[in-house]
Amino acid sequence: MANRLNVGGEEQGTVRTPTNGLDTTRTPASGAAELTGVAKGVHRINVNFSRSAYETLEQLAAAKGKSMSEVLRDAIQLEKWLTDAQAEGWHVLFEKDGRVREFVRI
């Protein structure tokens, strides 16, 4: 479904309204149009990365067959789990070939 987008009384173009529940048009307090394409209840943020961090994110996404957003969500979930476990007194250990190392935050 297509609608005409008006911002401040001026026609700005055509906005396609999807049938999948995405909110593609919102008018923030400033009155400017915002095309989000974000499902209701989902928040969009902008993040700045160094070149090396961005390249690492790209590599992780490619290696896992996931989007960069999915990799970031996984990282946030892991960070939450680590934080909660350590707050409860748990020790996070890694074991390889009979050697054990503890994960310690810097």
PDB file of N, CA and C in Angstrom:
ATOM      1  N   MET A   1       0.855  -1.174   0.000  1.00  0.00           N
ATOM      2  CA  MET A   1       0.000   0.000   0.000  1.00  0.00           C
ATOM      3  C   MET A   1       0.895   1.229   0.000  1.00  0.00           C
ATOM      4  N   ALA A   2       0.621   2.213  -0.821  1.00  0.00           N
ATOM      5  CA  ALA A   2       1.439   3.409  -0.904  1.00  0.00           C
ATOM      6  C   ALA A   2       0.646   4.613  -0.388  1.00  0.00           C
ATOM      7  N   ASN A   3       1.296   5.443   0.370  1.00  0.00           N
ATOM      8  CA  ASN A   3       0.718   6.680   0.882  1.00  0.00           C
ATOM      9  C   ASN A   3       1.658   7.817   0.514  1.00  0.00           C
ATOM     10  N   ARG A   4       1.111   9.009   0.400  1.00  0.00           N
ATOM     11  CA  ARG A   4       1.939  10.183   0.178  1.00  0.00           C
ATOM     12  C   ARG A   4       2.400  10.693   1.530  1.00  0.00           C
ATOM     13  N   LEU A   5       3.688  11.006   1.649  1.00  0.00           N
ATOM     14  CA  LEU A   5       4.253  11.483   2.905  1.00  0.00           C
ATOM     15  C   LEU A   5       4.298  13.005   2.883  1.00  0.00           C
ATOM     16  N   ASN A   6       3.651  13.617   3.874  1.00  0.00           N
ATOM     17  CA  ASN A   6       3.659  15.068   4.010  1.00  0.00           C
ATOM     18  C   ASN A   6       4.408  15.450   5.262  1.00  0.00           C
ATOM     19  N   VAL A   7       5.338  16.376   5.128  1.00  0.00           N
ATOM     20  CA  VAL A   7       6.095  16.884   6.262  1.00  0.00           C
ATOM     21  C   VAL A   7       5.984  18.394   6.239  1.00  0.00           C
ATOM     22  N   GLY A   8       5.467  18.957   7.294  1.00  0.00           N
ATOM     23  CA  GLY A   8       5.328  20.408   7.371  1.00  0.00           C
ATOM     24  C   GLY A   8       4.481  20.978   6.256  1.00  0.00           C
ATOM     25  N   GLY A   9       3.488  20.203   5.784  1.00  0.00           N
ATOM     26  CA  GLY A   9       2.599  20.689   4.739  1.00  0.00           C
ATOM     27  C   GLY A   9       3.138  20.494   3.341  1.00  0.00           C
ATOM     28  N   GLU A  10       4.376  19.981   3.202  1.00  0.00           N
ATOM     29  CA  GLU A  10       4.954  19.760   1.880  1.00  0.00           C
ATOM     30  C   GLU A  10       5.023  18.274   1.593  1.00  0.00           C
ATOM     31  N   GLU A  11       4.599  17.917   0.380  1.00  0.00           N
ATOM     32  CA  GLU A  11       4.634  16.519  -0.010  1.00  0.00           C
ATOM     33  C   GLU A  11       6.083  16.097  -0.232  1.00  0.00           C
ATOM     34  N   GLN A  12       6.501  14.999   0.412  1.00  0.00           N
ATOM     35  CA  GLN A  12       7.890  14.564   0.362  1.00  0.00           C
ATOM     36  C   GLN A  12       8.119  13.334  -0.508  1.00  0.00           C
ATOM     37  N   GLY A  13       7.090  12.574  -0.809  1.00  0.00           N
ATOM     38  CA  GLY A  13       7.278  11.369  -1.613  1.00  0.00           C
ATOM     39  C   GLY A  13       6.318  10.279  -1.191  1.00  0.00           C
ATOM     40  N   THR A  14       6.542   9.115  -1.727  1.00  0.00           N
ATOM     41  CA  THR A  14       5.669   7.985  -1.461  1.00  0.00           C
ATOM     42  C   THR A  14       6.287   7.075  -0.421  1.00  0.00           C
ATOM     43  N   VAL A  15       5.490   6.648   0.520  1.00  0.00           N
ATOM     44  CA  VAL A  15       5.914   5.705   1.545  1.00  0.00           C
ATOM     45  C   VAL A  15       5.102   4.444   1.358  1.00  0.00           C
ATOM     46  N   ARG A  16       5.753   3.337   1.241  1.00  0.00           N
ATOM     47  CA  ARG A  16       5.068   2.052   1.140  1.00  0.00           C
ATOM     48  C   ARG A  16       4.745   1.565   2.550  1.00  0.00           C
ATOM     49  N   THR A  17       3.513   1.206   2.790  1.00  0.00           N
ATOM     50  CA  THR A  17       3.107   0.685   4.078  1.00  0.00           C
ATOM     51  C   THR A  17       3.095  -0.830   3.986  1.00  0.00           C
ATOM     52  N   PRO A  18       4.050  -1.494   4.651  1.00  0.00           N
ATOM     53  CA  PRO A  18       4.108  -2.948   4.556  1.00  0.00           C
ATOM     54  C   PRO A  18       2.979  -3.601   5.336  1.00  0.00           C
ATOM     55  N   THR A  19       2.747  -4.852   5.030  1.00  0.00           N
ATOM     56  CA  THR A  19       1.698  -5.597   5.723  1.00  0.00           C
ATOM     57  C   THR A  19       2.276  -6.469   6.819  1.00  0.00           C
ATOM     58  N   ASN A  20       3.574  -6.291   7.141  1.00  0.00           N
ATOM     59  CA  ASN A  20       4.219  -7.144   8.136  1.00  0.00           C
ATOM     60  C   ASN A  20       4.327  -6.498   9.509  1.00  0.00           C
ATOM     61  N   GLY A  21       3.600  -5.433   9.778  1.00  0.00           N
ATOM     62  CA  GLY A  21       3.590  -4.825  11.101  1.00  0.00           C
ATOM     63  C   GLY A  21       4.712  -3.828  11.333  1.00  0.00           C
ATOM     64  N   LEU A  22       5.493  -3.504  10.307  1.00  0.00           N
ATOM     65  CA  LEU A  22       6.567  -2.538  10.490  1.00  0.00           C
ATOM     66  C   LEU A  22       6.008  -1.127  10.491  1.00  0.00           C
ATOM     67  N   ASP A  23       6.562  -0.303  11.334  1.00  0.00           N
ATOM     68  CA  ASP A  23       6.169   1.097  11.421  1.00  0.00           C
ATOM     69  C   ASP A  23       7.152   1.885  10.572  1.00  0.00           C
ATOM     70  N   THR A  24       6.735   2.306   9.388  1.00  0.00           N
ATOM     71  CA  THR A  24       7.664   2.999   8.503  1.00  0.00           C
ATOM     72  C   THR A  24       7.535   4.508   8.560  1.00  0.00           C
ATOM     73  N   THR A  25       6.512   5.023   9.190  1.00  0.00           N
ATOM     74  CA  THR A  25       6.402   6.472   9.283  1.00  0.00           C
ATOM     75  C   THR A  25       6.090   6.869  10.708  1.00  0.00           C
ATOM     76  N   ARG A  26       6.888   7.758  11.200  1.00  0.00           N
ATOM     77  CA  ARG A  26       6.653   8.337  12.518  1.00  0.00           C
ATOM     78  C   ARG A  26       7.011   9.798  12.413  1.00  0.00           C
ATOM     79  N   THR A  27       6.355  10.621  13.174  1.00  0.00           N
ATOM     80  CA  THR A  27       6.700  12.029  13.205  1.00  0.00           C
ATOM     81  C   THR A  27       7.207  12.364  14.592  1.00  0.00           C
ATOM     82  N   PRO A  28       8.540  12.538  14.756  1.00  0.00           N
ATOM     83  CA  PRO A  28       9.080  12.916  16.052  1.00  0.00           C
ATOM     84  C   PRO A  28       8.639  14.315  16.448  1.00  0.00           C
ATOM     85  N   ALA A  29       8.968  14.702  17.654  1.00  0.00           N
ATOM     86  CA  ALA A  29       8.573  16.002  18.185  1.00  0.00           C
ATOM     87  C   ALA A  29       9.024  17.156  17.292  1.00  0.00           C
ATOM     88  N   SER A  30      10.140  16.961  16.573  1.00  0.00           N
ATOM     89  CA  SER A  30      10.655  18.034  15.721  1.00  0.00           C
ATOM     90  C   SER A  30       9.767  18.285  14.513  1.00  0.00           C
ATOM     91  N   GLY A  31       8.872  17.324  14.206  1.00  0.00           N
ATOM     92  CA  GLY A  31       8.002  17.468  13.050  1.00  0.00           C
ATOM     93  C   GLY A  31       8.606  16.881  11.796  1.00  0.00           C
ATOM     94  N   ALA A  32       9.866  16.454  11.859  1.00  0.00           N
ATOM     95  CA  ALA A  32      10.514  15.864  10.691  1.00  0.00           C
ATOM     96  C   ALA A  32      10.052  14.427  10.522  1.00  0.00           C
ATOM     97  N   ALA A  33       9.965  13.989   9.280  1.00  0.00           N
ATOM     98  CA  ALA A  33       9.563  12.600   9.023  1.00  0.00           C
ATOM     99  C   ALA A  33      10.728  11.679   9.316  1.00  0.00           C
ATOM    100  N   GLU A  34      10.403  10.523   9.816  1.00  0.00           N
ATOM    101  CA  GLU A  34      11.419   9.524  10.122  1.00  0.00           C
ATOM    102  C   GLU A  34      10.961   8.216   9.512  1.00  0.00           C
ATOM    103  N   LEU A  35      11.741   7.659   8.611  1.00  0.00           N
ATOM    104  CA  LEU A  35      11.413   6.376   8.019  1.00  0.00           C
ATOM    105  C   LEU A  35      12.242   5.329   8.729  1.00  0.00           C
ATOM    106  N   THR A  36      11.621   4.565   9.597  1.00  0.00           N
ATOM    107  CA  THR A  36      12.386   3.663  10.443  1.00  0.00           C
ATOM    108  C   THR A  36      12.442   2.245   9.921  1.00  0.00           C
ATOM    109  N   GLY A  37      11.344   1.711   9.398  1.00  0.00           N
ATOM    110  CA  GLY A  37      11.331   0.322   8.977  1.00  0.00           C
ATOM    111  C   GLY A  37      11.566  -0.623  10.136  1.00  0.00           C
ATOM    112  N   VAL A  38      11.273  -0.185  11.341  1.00  0.00           N
ATOM    113  CA  VAL A  38      11.531  -0.967  12.551  1.00  0.00           C
ATOM    114  C   VAL A  38      10.198  -1.453  13.101  1.00  0.00           C
ATOM    115  N   ALA A  39      10.147  -2.719  13.465  1.00  0.00           N
ATOM    116  CA  ALA A  39       8.926  -3.284  14.027  1.00  0.00           C
ATOM    117  C   ALA A  39       8.572  -2.582  15.328  1.00  0.00           C
ATOM    118  N   LYS A  40       7.300  -2.503  15.609  1.00  0.00           N
ATOM    119  CA  LYS A  40       6.854  -1.876  16.852  1.00  0.00           C
ATOM    120  C   LYS A  40       7.456  -2.616  18.033  1.00  0.00           C
ATOM    121  N   GLY A  41       7.937  -1.870  19.030  1.00  0.00           N
ATOM    122  CA  GLY A  41       8.547  -2.470  20.210  1.00  0.00           C
ATOM    123  C   GLY A  41      10.039  -2.707  20.045  1.00  0.00           C
ATOM    124  N   VAL A  42      10.582  -2.387  18.891  1.00  0.00           N
ATOM    125  CA  VAL A  42      12.012  -2.547  18.626  1.00  0.00           C
ATOM    126  C   VAL A  42      12.615  -1.151  18.550  1.00  0.00           C
ATOM    127  N   HIS A  43      13.801  -0.995  19.095  1.00  0.00           N
ATOM    128  CA  HIS A  43      14.452   0.317  19.104  1.00  0.00           C
ATOM    129  C   HIS A  43      15.657   0.292  18.186  1.00  0.00           C
ATOM    130  N   ARG A  44      15.868   1.366  17.470  1.00  0.00           N
ATOM    131  CA  ARG A  44      17.000   1.497  16.568  1.00  0.00           C
ATOM    132  C   ARG A  44      17.971   2.493  17.170  1.00  0.00           C
ATOM    133  N   ILE A  45      19.263   2.166  17.117  1.00  0.00           N
ATOM    134  CA  ILE A  45      20.295   3.076  17.609  1.00  0.00           C
ATOM    135  C   ILE A  45      21.380   3.221  16.556  1.00  0.00           C
ATOM    136  N   ASN A  46      22.123   4.282  16.641  1.00  0.00           N
ATOM    137  CA  ASN A  46      23.310   4.476  15.807  1.00  0.00           C
ATOM    138  C   ASN A  46      24.531   4.296  16.694  1.00  0.00           C
ATOM    139  N   VAL A  47      25.499   3.550  16.211  1.00  0.00           N
ATOM    140  CA  VAL A  47      26.707   3.281  16.982  1.00  0.00           C
ATOM    141  C   VAL A  47      27.917   3.579  16.101  1.00  0.00           C
ATOM    142  N   ASN A  48      28.915   4.236  16.667  1.00  0.00           N
ATOM    143  CA  ASN A  48      30.160   4.495  15.955  1.00  0.00           C
ATOM    144  C   ASN A  48      31.203   3.474  16.365  1.00  0.00           C
ATOM    145  N   PHE A  49      31.864   2.851  15.380  1.00  0.00           N
ATOM    146  CA  PHE A  49      32.899   1.859  15.625  1.00  0.00           C
ATOM    147  C   PHE A  49      34.210   2.315  15.013  1.00  0.00           C
ATOM    148  N   SER A  50      35.306   1.911  15.633  1.00  0.00           N
ATOM    149  CA  SER A  50      36.602   2.092  14.979  1.00  0.00           C
ATOM    150  C   SER A  50      36.621   1.164  13.767  1.00  0.00           C
ATOM    151  N   ARG A  51      37.530   1.406  12.864  1.00  0.00           N
ATOM    152  CA  ARG A  51      37.640   0.557  11.680  1.00  0.00           C
ATOM    153  C   ARG A  51      37.862  -0.901  12.075  1.00  0.00           C
ATOM    154  N   SER A  52      38.773  -1.132  13.033  1.00  0.00           N
ATOM    155  CA  SER A  52      39.080  -2.518  13.417  1.00  0.00           C
ATOM    156  C   SER A  52      37.891  -3.200  14.088  1.00  0.00           C
ATOM    157  N   ALA A  53      37.148  -2.467  14.911  1.00  0.00           N
ATOM    158  CA  ALA A  53      35.966  -3.050  15.560  1.00  0.00           C
ATOM    159  C   ALA A  53      34.900  -3.383  14.525  1.00  0.00           C
ATOM    160  N   TYR A  54      34.720  -2.512  13.550  1.00  0.00           N
ATOM    161  CA  TYR A  54      33.737  -2.750  12.491  1.00  0.00           C
ATOM    162  C   TYR A  54      34.129  -3.962  11.655  1.00  0.00           C
ATOM    163  N   GLU A  55      35.402  -4.061  11.318  1.00  0.00           N
ATOM    164  CA  GLU A  55      35.881  -5.203  10.539  1.00  0.00           C
ATOM    165  C   GLU A  55      35.716  -6.504  11.320  1.00  0.00           C
ATOM    166  N   THR A  56      35.975  -6.456  12.624  1.00  0.00           N
ATOM    167  CA  THR A  56      35.776  -7.634  13.468  1.00  0.00           C
ATOM    168  C   THR A  56      34.308  -8.034  13.482  1.00  0.00           C
ATOM    169  N   LEU A  57      33.424  -7.060  13.602  1.00  0.00           N
ATOM    170  CA  LEU A  57      31.985  -7.330  13.583  1.00  0.00           C
ATOM    171  C   LEU A  57      31.575  -7.965  12.257  1.00  0.00           C
ATOM    172  N   GLU A  58      32.083  -7.432  11.160  1.00  0.00           N
ATOM    173  CA  GLU A  58      31.791  -8.007   9.841  1.00  0.00           C
ATOM    174  C   GLU A  58      32.276  -9.450   9.741  1.00  0.00           C
ATOM    175  N   GLN A  59      33.487  -9.705  10.225  1.00  0.00           N
ATOM    176  CA  GLN A  59      34.065 -11.047  10.170  1.00  0.00           C
ATOM    177  C   GLN A  59      33.265 -12.030  11.016  1.00  0.00           C
ATOM    178  N   LEU A  60      32.867 -11.606  12.218  1.00  0.00           N
ATOM    179  CA  LEU A  60      32.059 -12.466  13.086  1.00  0.00           C
ATOM    180  C   LEU A  60      30.716 -12.796  12.423  1.00  0.00           C
ATOM    181  N   ALA A  61      30.088 -11.797  11.848  1.00  0.00           N
ATOM    182  CA  ALA A  61      28.796 -12.005  11.188  1.00  0.00           C
ATOM    183  C   ALA A  61      28.944 -12.993  10.026  1.00  0.00           C
ATOM    184  N   ALA A  62      29.980 -12.813   9.214  1.00  0.00           N
ATOM    185  CA  ALA A  62      30.197 -13.706   8.074  1.00  0.00           C
ATOM    186  C   ALA A  62      30.489 -15.130   8.542  1.00  0.00           C
ATOM    187  N   ALA A  63      31.323 -15.264   9.564  1.00  0.00           N
ATOM    188  CA  ALA A  63      31.701 -16.593  10.061  1.00  0.00           C
ATOM    189  C   ALA A  63      30.508 -17.336  10.652  1.00  0.00           C
ATOM    190  N   LYS A  64      29.580 -16.591  11.259  1.00  0.00           N
ATOM    191  CA  LYS A  64      28.422 -17.210  11.909  1.00  0.00           C
ATOM    192  C   LYS A  64      27.207 -17.279  10.992  1.00  0.00           C
ATOM    193  N   GLY A  65      27.295 -16.631   9.829  1.00  0.00           N
ATOM    194  CA  GLY A  65      26.143 -16.599   8.934  1.00  0.00           C
ATOM    195  C   GLY A  65      24.995 -15.790   9.507  1.00  0.00           C
ATOM    196  N   LYS A  66      25.337 -14.739  10.262  1.00  0.00           N
ATOM    197  CA  LYS A  66      24.333 -13.891  10.900  1.00  0.00           C
ATOM    198  C   LYS A  66      24.516 -12.456  10.429  1.00  0.00           C
ATOM    199  N   SER A  67      23.514 -11.640  10.708  1.00  0.00           N
ATOM    200  CA  SER A  67      23.647 -10.214  10.437  1.00  0.00           C
ATOM    201  C   SER A  67      24.509  -9.580  11.533  1.00  0.00           C
ATOM    202  N   MET A  68      25.020  -8.398  11.260  1.00  0.00           N
ATOM    203  CA  MET A  68      25.792  -7.696  12.281  1.00  0.00           C
ATOM    204  C   MET A  68      24.908  -7.368  13.481  1.00  0.00           C
ATOM    205  N   SER A  69      23.639  -7.073  13.260  1.00  0.00           N
ATOM    206  CA  SER A  69      22.713  -6.812  14.365  1.00  0.00           C
ATOM    207  C   SER A  69      22.563  -8.037  15.247  1.00  0.00           C
ATOM    208  N   GLU A  70      22.465  -9.217  14.630  1.00  0.00           N
ATOM    209  CA  GLU A  70      22.334 -10.447  15.412  1.00  0.00           C
ATOM    210  C   GLU A  70      23.586 -10.704  16.243  1.00  0.00           C
ATOM    211  N   VAL A  71      24.759 -10.442  15.662  1.00  0.00           N
ATOM    212  CA  VAL A  71      26.011 -10.620  16.400  1.00  0.00           C
ATOM    213  C   VAL A  71      26.055  -9.668  17.593  1.00  0.00           C
ATOM    214  N   LEU A  72      25.634  -8.429  17.397  1.00  0.00           N
ATOM    215  CA  LEU A  72      25.603  -7.468  18.506  1.00  0.00           C
ATOM    216  C   LEU A  72      24.606  -7.889  19.584  1.00  0.00           C
ATOM    217  N   ARG A  73      23.433  -8.382  19.182  1.00  0.00           N
ATOM    218  CA  ARG A  73      22.463  -8.855  20.175  1.00  0.00           C
ATOM    219  C   ARG A  73      23.030 -10.030  20.969  1.00  0.00           C
ATOM    220  N   ASP A  74      23.723 -10.947  20.282  1.00  0.00           N
ATOM    221  CA  ASP A  74      24.361 -12.077  20.971  1.00  0.00           C
ATOM    222  C   ASP A  74      25.401 -11.582  21.979  1.00  0.00           C
ATOM    223  N   ALA A  75      26.191 -10.588  21.568  1.00  0.00           N
ATOM    224  CA  ALA A  75      27.234 -10.045  22.450  1.00  0.00           C
ATOM    225  C   ALA A  75      26.621  -9.386  23.682  1.00  0.00           C
ATOM    226  N   ILE A  76      25.528  -8.682  23.499  1.00  0.00           N
ATOM    227  CA  ILE A  76      24.843  -8.044  24.637  1.00  0.00           C
ATOM    228  C   ILE A  76      24.303  -9.110  25.582  1.00  0.00           C
ATOM    229  N   GLN A  77      23.719 -10.159  25.022  1.00  0.00           N
ATOM    230  CA  GLN A  77      23.192 -11.247  25.849  1.00  0.00           C
ATOM    231  C   GLN A  77      24.313 -11.926  26.634  1.00  0.00           C
ATOM    232  N   LEU A  78      25.456 -12.150  25.993  1.00  0.00           N
ATOM    233  CA  LEU A  78      26.595 -12.764  26.676  1.00  0.00           C
ATOM    234  C   LEU A  78      27.127 -11.846  27.773  1.00  0.00           C
ATOM    235  N   GLU A  79      27.232 -10.561  27.492  1.00  0.00           N
ATOM    236  CA  GLU A  79      27.691  -9.596  28.488  1.00  0.00           C
ATOM    237  C   GLU A  79      26.766  -9.583  29.696  1.00  0.00           C
ATOM    238  N   LYS A  80      25.456  -9.627  29.456  1.00  0.00           N
ATOM    239  CA  LYS A  80      24.483  -9.656  30.548  1.00  0.00           C
ATOM    240  C   LYS A  80      24.663 -10.917  31.386  1.00  0.00           C
ATOM    241  N   TRP A  81      24.834 -12.064  30.719  1.00  0.00           N
ATOM    242  CA  TRP A  81      25.016 -13.321  31.429  1.00  0.00           C
ATOM    243  C   TRP A  81      26.284 -13.292  32.279  1.00  0.00           C
ATOM    244  N   LEU A  82      27.397 -12.808  31.713  1.00  0.00           N
ATOM    245  CA  LEU A  82      28.660 -12.721  32.457  1.00  0.00           C
ATOM    246  C   LEU A  82      28.526 -11.796  33.664  1.00  0.00           C
ATOM    247  N   THR A  83      27.922 -10.646  33.455  1.00  0.00           N
ATOM    248  CA  THR A  83      27.744  -9.672  34.531  1.00  0.00           C
ATOM    249  C   THR A  83      26.907 -10.260  35.661  1.00  0.00           C
ATOM    250  N   ASP A  84      25.786 -10.893  35.307  1.00  0.00           N
ATOM    251  CA  ASP A  84      24.911 -11.490  36.319  1.00  0.00           C
ATOM    252  C   ASP A  84      25.613 -12.629  37.054  1.00  0.00           C
ATOM    253  N   ALA A  85      26.315 -13.494  36.320  1.00  0.00           N
ATOM    254  CA  ALA A  85      26.995 -14.635  36.938  1.00  0.00           C
ATOM    255  C   ALA A  85      28.056 -14.163  37.925  1.00  0.00           C
ATOM    256  N   GLN A  86      28.851 -13.186  37.520  1.00  0.00           N
ATOM    257  CA  GLN A  86      29.893 -12.691  38.411  1.00  0.00           C
ATOM    258  C   GLN A  86      29.301 -11.951  39.604  1.00  0.00           C
ATOM    259  N   ALA A  87      28.209 -11.250  39.414  1.00  0.00           N
ATOM    260  CA  ALA A  87      27.552 -10.551  40.528  1.00  0.00           C
ATOM    261  C   ALA A  87      27.028 -11.547  41.558  1.00  0.00           C
ATOM    262  N   GLU A  88      26.678 -12.748  41.111  1.00  0.00           N
ATOM    263  CA  GLU A  88      26.181 -13.793  42.014  1.00  0.00           C
ATOM    264  C   GLU A  88      27.307 -14.628  42.617  1.00  0.00           C
ATOM    265  N   GLY A  89      28.565 -14.264  42.298  1.00  0.00           N
ATOM    266  CA  GLY A  89      29.708 -14.962  42.877  1.00  0.00           C
ATOM    267  C   GLY A  89      30.242 -16.121  42.050  1.00  0.00           C
ATOM    268  N   TRP A  90      29.707 -16.337  40.855  1.00  0.00           N
ATOM    269  CA  TRP A  90      30.199 -17.398  39.991  1.00  0.00           C
ATOM    270  C   TRP A  90      31.546 -17.019  39.391  1.00  0.00           C
ATOM    271  N   HIS A  91      32.349 -18.021  39.074  1.00  0.00           N
ATOM    272  CA  HIS A  91      33.607 -17.839  38.362  1.00  0.00           C
ATOM    273  C   HIS A  91      33.441 -18.455  36.986  1.00  0.00           C
ATOM    274  N   VAL A  92      33.841 -17.729  35.961  1.00  0.00           N
ATOM    275  CA  VAL A  92      33.729 -18.219  34.596  1.00  0.00           C
ATOM    276  C   VAL A  92      35.086 -18.798  34.207  1.00  0.00           C
ATOM    277  N   LEU A  93      35.074 -20.084  33.873  1.00  0.00           N
ATOM    278  CA  LEU A  93      36.314 -20.796  33.583  1.00  0.00           C
ATOM    279  C   LEU A  93      36.319 -21.303  32.151  1.00  0.00           C
ATOM    280  N   PHE A  94      37.523 -21.321  31.551  1.00  0.00           N
ATOM    281  CA  PHE A  94      37.735 -21.914  30.243  1.00  0.00           C
ATOM    282  C   PHE A  94      38.685 -23.082  30.432  1.00  0.00           C
ATOM    283  N   GLU A  95      38.403 -24.186  29.757  1.00  0.00           N
ATOM    284  CA  GLU A  95      39.244 -25.374  29.898  1.00  0.00           C
ATOM    285  C   GLU A  95      39.632 -25.872  28.519  1.00  0.00           C
ATOM    286  N   LYS A  96      40.926 -26.178  28.367  1.00  0.00           N
ATOM    287  CA  LYS A  96      41.428 -26.723  27.109  1.00  0.00           C
ATOM    288  C   LYS A  96      42.603 -27.635  27.423  1.00  0.00           C
ATOM    289  N   ASP A  97      42.529 -28.855  26.921  1.00  0.00           N
ATOM    290  CA  ASP A  97      43.617 -29.821  27.101  1.00  0.00           C
ATOM    291  C   ASP A  97      44.038 -29.948  28.563  1.00  0.00           C
ATOM    292  N   GLY A  98      43.080 -29.967  29.471  1.00  0.00           N
ATOM    293  CA  GLY A  98      43.373 -30.133  30.888  1.00  0.00           C
ATOM    294  C   GLY A  98      43.818 -28.868  31.600  1.00  0.00           C
ATOM    295  N   ARG A  99      43.975 -27.786  30.870  1.00  0.00           N
ATOM    296  CA  ARG A  99      44.345 -26.502  31.488  1.00  0.00           C
ATOM    297  C   ARG A  99      43.087 -25.682  31.714  1.00  0.00           C
ATOM    298  N   VAL A 100      43.030 -25.022  32.849  1.00  0.00           N
ATOM    299  CA  VAL A 100      41.865 -24.213  33.202  1.00  0.00           C
ATOM    300  C   VAL A 100      42.312 -22.776  33.401  1.00  0.00           C
ATOM    301  N   ARG A 101      41.553 -21.862  32.804  1.00  0.00           N
ATOM    302  CA  ARG A 101      41.804 -20.430  32.999  1.00  0.00           C
ATOM    303  C   ARG A 101      40.512 -19.762  33.410  1.00  0.00           C
ATOM    304  N   GLU A 102      40.638 -18.771  34.278  1.00  0.00           N
ATOM    305  CA  GLU A 102      39.462 -18.035  34.746  1.00  0.00           C
ATOM    306  C   GLU A 102      39.331 -16.744  33.957  1.00  0.00           C
ATOM    307  N   PHE A 103      38.095 -16.447  33.579  1.00  0.00           N
ATOM    308  CA  PHE A 103      37.794 -15.182  32.934  1.00  0.00           C
ATOM    309  C   PHE A 103      37.722 -14.105  34.014  1.00  0.00           C
ATOM    310  N   VAL A 104      38.568 -13.092  33.912  1.00  0.00           N
ATOM    311  CA  VAL A 104      38.605 -12.002  34.883  1.00  0.00           C
ATOM    312  C   VAL A 104      38.429 -10.694  34.143  1.00  0.00           C
ATOM    313  N   ARG A 105      37.512  -9.883  34.616  1.00  0.00           N
ATOM    314  CA  ARG A 105      37.299  -8.572  33.981  1.00  0.00           C
ATOM    315  C   ARG A 105      38.422  -7.614  34.333  1.00  0.00           C
ATOM    316  N   ILE A 106      38.748  -6.778  33.386  1.00  0.00           N
ATOM    317  CA  ILE A 106      39.797  -5.774  33.606  1.00  0.00           C
ATOM    318  C   ILE A 106      39.162  -4.512  34.155  1.00  0.00           C
TER     319      ILE A 106
END
